[in-house]
Protein backbone atom coordinates (compact mmCIF):
# COMPACT_ATOMS: atom_id res chain seq x y z
CA MET A 1 -0.32 -0.26 -19.74
CA VAL A 2 -2.28 3.22 -20.77
CA ALA A 3 -3.74 0.63 -23.54
CA ALA A 4 -4.90 -1.36 -21.43
CA ALA A 5 -6.53 0.79 -18.98
CA ALA A 6 -7.59 1.97 -21.66
CA LYS A 7 -9.99 -1.73 -21.75
CA GLY A 8 -11.69 -1.22 -18.21
CA GLU A 9 -10.54 -0.62 -14.60
CA VAL A 10 -9.98 -4.20 -13.82
CA LEU A 11 -8.83 -6.61 -16.04
CA ASP A 12 -7.50 -10.17 -15.80
CA GLN A 13 -10.07 -10.79 -12.45
CA LEU A 14 -7.61 -8.75 -10.30
CA LEU A 15 -5.65 -6.59 -12.31
CA TRP A 16 -6.73 -3.00 -11.60
CA THR A 17 -5.33 -0.47 -14.09
CA ALA A 18 -6.88 3.38 -13.11
CA VAL A 19 -3.95 4.11 -11.06
CA ALA A 20 -2.06 3.40 -14.50
CA ALA A 21 -5.23 5.26 -16.04
CA ALA A 22 -4.83 8.28 -14.15
CA THR A 23 -0.74 8.87 -13.92
CA GLY A 24 0.15 7.79 -17.93
CA ALA A 25 1.76 4.50 -16.71
CA ARG A 26 4.46 6.20 -14.89
CA GLY A 27 6.39 3.79 -12.16
CA ASN A 28 4.46 0.80 -11.12
CA THR A 29 1.14 1.12 -11.25
CA THR A 30 -1.08 -2.00 -11.91
CA PRO A 31 -1.50 -3.11 -8.93
CA LEU A 32 -3.30 -6.79 -8.31
CA VAL A 33 -6.14 -5.97 -5.90
CA GLY A 34 -8.09 -8.23 -3.02
CA THR A 35 -7.68 -10.00 0.01
CA PRO A 36 -4.22 -11.75 0.70
CA VAL A 37 -6.34 -15.03 -0.55
CA GLN A 38 -7.67 -13.49 -3.80
CA VAL A 39 -4.18 -11.67 -4.59
CA ALA A 40 -2.56 -14.79 -4.30
CA GLU A 41 -4.64 -17.06 -6.85
CA SER A 42 -4.10 -14.53 -9.28
CA LEU A 43 -0.47 -14.29 -8.59
CA LEU A 44 -0.69 -18.63 -9.04
CA ALA A 45 -2.42 -18.41 -12.37
CA TYR A 46 0.57 -16.26 -13.48
CA TYR A 47 2.80 -18.82 -11.99
CA GLU A 48 0.46 -21.95 -13.97
CA LEU A 49 1.76 -19.81 -17.16
CA GLY A 50 5.27 -19.84 -16.51
CA VAL A 51 6.53 -16.29 -14.12
CA THR A 52 8.80 -17.42 -11.93
CA THR A 53 9.71 -13.96 -10.94
CA PHE A 54 7.13 -11.36 -9.53
CA LEU A 55 7.33 -7.51 -8.29
CA ILE A 56 5.16 -7.03 -5.43
CA ARG A 57 5.18 -3.82 -3.99
CA GLY A 58 2.07 -1.39 -2.69
CA PHE A 59 1.73 2.67 -1.80
CA ASP A 60 2.78 2.02 1.72
CA PRO A 61 6.49 -0.01 1.58
CA LEU A 62 7.24 -0.64 4.91
CA GLU A 63 3.74 -1.80 6.24
CA ASP A 64 3.09 -3.51 2.77
CA ALA A 65 6.29 -5.29 2.68
CA ILE A 66 5.62 -6.79 6.37
CA ASP A 67 1.92 -7.61 5.09
CA TYR A 68 3.26 -9.77 1.87
CA GLY A 69 5.47 -11.42 4.08
CA ARG A 70 3.30 -12.14 6.71
CA GLU A 71 -0.30 -12.91 4.94
CA LEU A 72 0.71 -13.41 0.97
CA ILE A 73 3.81 -14.98 0.51
CA PRO A 74 3.14 -17.79 2.80
CA ILE A 75 -0.31 -18.67 1.00
CA VAL A 76 1.42 -18.91 -2.28
CA ARG A 77 4.85 -20.53 -1.38
CA GLY A 78 1.94 -23.01 1.18
CA GLU A 79 0.10 -23.33 -2.62
CA ILE A 80 3.28 -23.84 -4.67
CA ALA A 81 4.68 -26.24 -2.61
CA ARG A 82 1.00 -28.23 -2.45
CA ARG A 83 1.06 -28.11 -6.16
CA GLU A 84 4.46 -29.57 -6.41
CA GLU A 85 4.13 -32.68 -4.55
CA ALA A 86 0.39 -33.08 -5.82
CA SER A 87 2.36 -33.42 -9.16
CA SER A 88 5.12 -36.08 -7.74
CA ILE A 89 2.78 -38.12 -6.45
CA ALA A 90 0.92 -38.27 -9.61
CA SER A 91 4.12 -38.99 -11.80
CA ARG A 92 5.04 -41.92 -9.39
CA SER A 93 1.86 -42.97 -9.66
CA ILE A 94 2.08 -43.46 -13.46
CA ALA A 95 5.53 -44.36 -13.24
CA GLY A 96 5.21 -47.22 -11.13
């Protein structure tokens, strides 16, 4: 992460590396930073690359977990469900 942080403070749209650079990349120090919709879009981009498990936490674990459960996770789950349904419909129409 230190090498990634040396490339700039923001990588991959919302991947913010300033904390990693400041701490020597100890712990989970490279967050996605943005609105719930923006962060969901970034997570979905990783999902499209094959990532299926994400570690999501913030600087205030309880409050951040509540926010993630209210805002971020429903957006991601809803979009994955929508994409899977669209893929299923497309597969059936091609096969049919």
